[in-house]
N, C-alpha and C. Protein backbone atom coordinates (compact mmCIF):
# COMPACT_ATOMS: atom_id res chain seq x y z
N UNK A 1 -7.02 21.68 10.57
CA UNK A 1 -6.46 22.13 9.30
C UNK A 1 -7.08 21.31 8.18
N UNK A 2 -7.53 21.97 7.14
CA UNK A 2 -8.12 21.31 6.00
C UNK A 2 -7.02 21.05 4.98
N UNK A 3 -6.72 19.77 4.72
CA UNK A 3 -5.62 19.42 3.83
C UNK A 3 -6.11 19.00 2.46
N UNK A 4 -5.21 19.08 1.51
CA UNK A 4 -5.49 18.70 0.14
C UNK A 4 -4.32 17.86 -0.37
N UNK A 5 -4.64 16.75 -1.04
CA UNK A 5 -3.59 15.93 -1.66
C UNK A 5 -3.18 16.64 -2.94
N UNK A 6 -1.91 16.94 -3.10
CA UNK A 6 -1.46 17.64 -4.30
C UNK A 6 -0.58 16.79 -5.19
N UNK A 7 -0.07 15.69 -4.65
CA UNK A 7 0.92 14.95 -5.41
C UNK A 7 0.95 13.52 -4.93
N UNK A 8 1.16 12.59 -5.85
CA UNK A 8 1.42 11.22 -5.42
C UNK A 8 2.51 10.63 -6.28
N UNK A 9 3.25 9.71 -5.70
CA UNK A 9 4.36 9.06 -6.40
C UNK A 9 4.48 7.64 -5.91
N UNK A 10 4.96 6.79 -6.77
CA UNK A 10 5.29 5.43 -6.36
C UNK A 10 6.74 5.41 -5.92
N UNK A 11 7.52 6.28 -6.48
CA UNK A 11 8.96 6.36 -6.23
C UNK A 11 9.25 7.15 -4.96
N UNK A 12 9.93 6.55 -4.01
CA UNK A 12 10.27 7.20 -2.74
C UNK A 12 11.12 8.44 -2.97
N UNK A 13 12.07 8.39 -3.89
CA UNK A 13 12.95 9.53 -4.15
C UNK A 13 12.17 10.73 -4.67
N UNK A 14 11.22 10.49 -5.56
CA UNK A 14 10.40 11.58 -6.10
C UNK A 14 9.57 12.22 -4.99
N UNK A 15 9.02 11.42 -4.10
CA UNK A 15 8.23 11.94 -2.98
C UNK A 15 9.12 12.75 -2.04
N UNK A 16 10.33 12.28 -1.78
CA UNK A 16 11.25 13.00 -0.90
C UNK A 16 11.67 14.33 -1.53
N UNK A 17 11.86 14.34 -2.84
CA UNK A 17 12.21 15.57 -3.55
C UNK A 17 11.08 16.59 -3.41
N UNK A 18 9.84 16.14 -3.59
CA UNK A 18 8.69 17.03 -3.46
C UNK A 18 8.61 17.60 -2.05
N UNK A 19 8.79 16.76 -1.05
CA UNK A 19 8.74 17.22 0.34
C UNK A 19 9.83 18.27 0.60
N UNK A 20 11.02 18.02 0.11
CA UNK A 20 12.14 18.93 0.31
C UNK A 20 11.86 20.30 -0.33
N UNK A 21 11.37 20.30 -1.55
CA UNK A 21 11.07 21.55 -2.25
C UNK A 21 10.01 22.36 -1.50
N UNK A 22 8.98 21.68 -1.02
CA UNK A 22 7.91 22.37 -0.30
C UNK A 22 8.41 22.93 1.02
N UNK A 23 9.19 22.15 1.74
CA UNK A 23 9.72 22.61 3.02
C UNK A 23 10.65 23.81 2.84
N UNK A 24 11.46 23.80 1.77
CA UNK A 24 12.33 24.94 1.47
C UNK A 24 11.53 26.20 1.21
N UNK A 25 10.33 26.04 0.66
CA UNK A 25 9.46 27.18 0.35
C UNK A 25 8.62 27.59 1.55
N UNK A 26 8.81 26.93 2.67
CA UNK A 26 8.07 27.27 3.87
C UNK A 26 6.66 26.70 3.92
N UNK A 27 6.39 25.70 3.10
CA UNK A 27 5.07 25.07 3.06
C UNK A 27 5.11 23.79 3.88
N UNK A 28 4.26 23.72 4.89
CA UNK A 28 4.17 22.52 5.71
C UNK A 28 3.47 21.43 4.90
N UNK A 29 4.13 20.32 4.72
CA UNK A 29 3.56 19.20 3.97
C UNK A 29 3.75 17.93 4.78
N UNK A 30 2.87 16.98 4.58
CA UNK A 30 3.09 15.68 5.20
C UNK A 30 2.86 14.58 4.18
N UNK A 31 3.57 13.50 4.42
CA UNK A 31 3.59 12.37 3.49
C UNK A 31 2.71 11.26 4.06
N UNK A 32 1.90 10.66 3.20
CA UNK A 32 1.08 9.51 3.58
C UNK A 32 1.52 8.35 2.68
N UNK A 33 2.11 7.33 3.29
CA UNK A 33 2.61 6.18 2.54
C UNK A 33 1.52 5.13 2.47
N UNK A 34 0.97 4.95 1.30
CA UNK A 34 -0.11 3.98 1.09
C UNK A 34 0.38 2.74 0.33
N UNK A 35 1.70 2.54 0.34
CA UNK A 35 2.24 1.36 -0.34
C UNK A 35 2.04 0.13 0.53
N UNK A 36 1.79 -0.97 -0.11
CA UNK A 36 1.66 -2.25 0.58
C UNK A 36 3.07 -2.79 0.81
N UNK A 37 3.43 -2.98 2.07
CA UNK A 37 4.80 -3.38 2.38
C UNK A 37 5.18 -4.74 1.79
N UNK A 38 4.20 -5.57 1.50
CA UNK A 38 4.49 -6.88 0.92
C UNK A 38 4.84 -6.76 -0.57
N UNK A 39 4.45 -5.65 -1.18
CA UNK A 39 4.67 -5.45 -2.62
C UNK A 39 5.32 -4.10 -2.88
N UNK A 40 6.38 -3.79 -2.16
CA UNK A 40 7.03 -2.48 -2.24
C UNK A 40 7.32 -2.10 -3.69
N UNK A 41 6.85 -0.91 -4.03
CA UNK A 41 7.11 -0.38 -5.37
C UNK A 41 6.14 -0.87 -6.42
N UNK A 42 5.27 -1.81 -6.09
CA UNK A 42 4.34 -2.35 -7.08
C UNK A 42 2.92 -1.88 -6.81
N UNK A 43 2.47 -1.98 -5.57
CA UNK A 43 1.11 -1.61 -5.22
C UNK A 43 1.10 -0.42 -4.29
N UNK A 44 0.23 0.52 -4.56
CA UNK A 44 0.08 1.67 -3.69
C UNK A 44 0.89 2.86 -4.15
N UNK A 45 0.83 3.91 -3.36
CA UNK A 45 1.51 5.15 -3.72
C UNK A 45 1.83 5.94 -2.46
N UNK A 46 2.65 6.94 -2.63
CA UNK A 46 2.98 7.87 -1.55
C UNK A 46 2.29 9.19 -1.90
N UNK A 47 1.51 9.72 -0.97
CA UNK A 47 0.79 10.96 -1.20
C UNK A 47 1.44 12.09 -0.41
N UNK A 48 1.45 13.28 -1.00
CA UNK A 48 1.91 14.49 -0.32
C UNK A 48 0.69 15.38 -0.12
N UNK A 49 0.47 15.80 1.12
CA UNK A 49 -0.67 16.64 1.47
C UNK A 49 -0.18 17.98 2.01
N UNK A 50 -0.87 19.06 1.62
CA UNK A 50 -0.61 20.39 2.16
C UNK A 50 -1.96 21.01 2.52
N UNK A 51 -1.92 22.12 3.25
CA UNK A 51 -3.18 22.80 3.57
C UNK A 51 -3.77 23.38 2.29
N UNK A 52 -5.09 23.51 2.27
CA UNK A 52 -5.77 24.07 1.09
C UNK A 52 -5.26 25.47 0.79
N UNK A 53 -4.87 26.22 1.82
CA UNK A 53 -4.35 27.57 1.62
C UNK A 53 -3.04 27.58 0.83
N UNK A 54 -2.25 26.52 0.95
CA UNK A 54 -0.95 26.42 0.27
C UNK A 54 -1.00 25.62 -1.03
N UNK A 55 -2.17 25.09 -1.37
CA UNK A 55 -2.28 24.18 -2.51
C UNK A 55 -1.78 24.78 -3.82
N UNK A 56 -2.23 25.97 -4.18
CA UNK A 56 -1.84 26.57 -5.47
C UNK A 56 -0.34 26.83 -5.51
N UNK A 57 0.20 27.39 -4.43
CA UNK A 57 1.64 27.68 -4.38
C UNK A 57 2.46 26.39 -4.45
N UNK A 58 2.01 25.35 -3.74
CA UNK A 58 2.72 24.08 -3.75
C UNK A 58 2.73 23.46 -5.15
N UNK A 59 1.59 23.49 -5.81
CA UNK A 59 1.52 22.94 -7.18
C UNK A 59 2.44 23.72 -8.12
N UNK A 60 2.46 25.03 -7.98
CA UNK A 60 3.32 25.86 -8.82
C UNK A 60 4.79 25.50 -8.62
N UNK A 61 5.20 25.35 -7.37
CA UNK A 61 6.59 25.00 -7.05
C UNK A 61 6.96 23.65 -7.65
N UNK A 62 6.09 22.65 -7.49
CA UNK A 62 6.39 21.31 -7.99
C UNK A 62 6.35 21.24 -9.51
N UNK A 63 5.48 22.02 -10.14
CA UNK A 63 5.45 22.05 -11.60
C UNK A 63 6.69 22.74 -12.15
N UNK A 64 7.10 23.82 -11.52
CA UNK A 64 8.29 24.55 -11.96
C UNK A 64 9.54 23.67 -11.86
N UNK A 65 9.58 22.83 -10.84
CA UNK A 65 10.72 21.92 -10.64
C UNK A 65 10.58 20.64 -11.46
N UNK A 66 9.49 20.54 -12.21
CA UNK A 66 9.18 19.37 -13.05
C UNK A 66 9.03 18.09 -12.24
N UNK A 67 8.57 18.23 -11.00
CA UNK A 67 8.26 17.07 -10.17
C UNK A 67 6.80 16.70 -10.39
N UNK A 68 5.99 17.70 -10.68
CA UNK A 68 4.56 17.54 -10.91
C UNK A 68 4.26 18.02 -12.31
N UNK A 69 3.47 17.26 -13.05
CA UNK A 69 3.09 17.76 -14.38
C UNK A 69 1.65 18.25 -14.31
N UNK A 70 1.18 18.85 -15.37
CA UNK A 70 -0.15 19.45 -15.39
C UNK A 70 -1.28 18.48 -15.22
N UNK A 71 -1.02 17.17 -15.37
CA UNK A 71 -2.09 16.17 -15.26
C UNK A 71 -2.33 15.73 -13.83
N UNK A 72 -1.38 15.99 -12.93
CA UNK A 72 -1.50 15.55 -11.53
C UNK A 72 -2.42 16.45 -10.75
């Protein structure tokens, strides 16, 4: 499966919200936690990845819910 990163967040709650919205829409997404455990919340980010086929729909869902803005 060819995946695309569509969203990243430093905030765990924001990443969980994005995952929940995508799953409710039937879009398989997975989270990649790139935060440094020694510096939780300061260094790194959480990435949300979906298949390239679902990328446009996923971005639309997250923008509509105001989880993702047009710059992401």
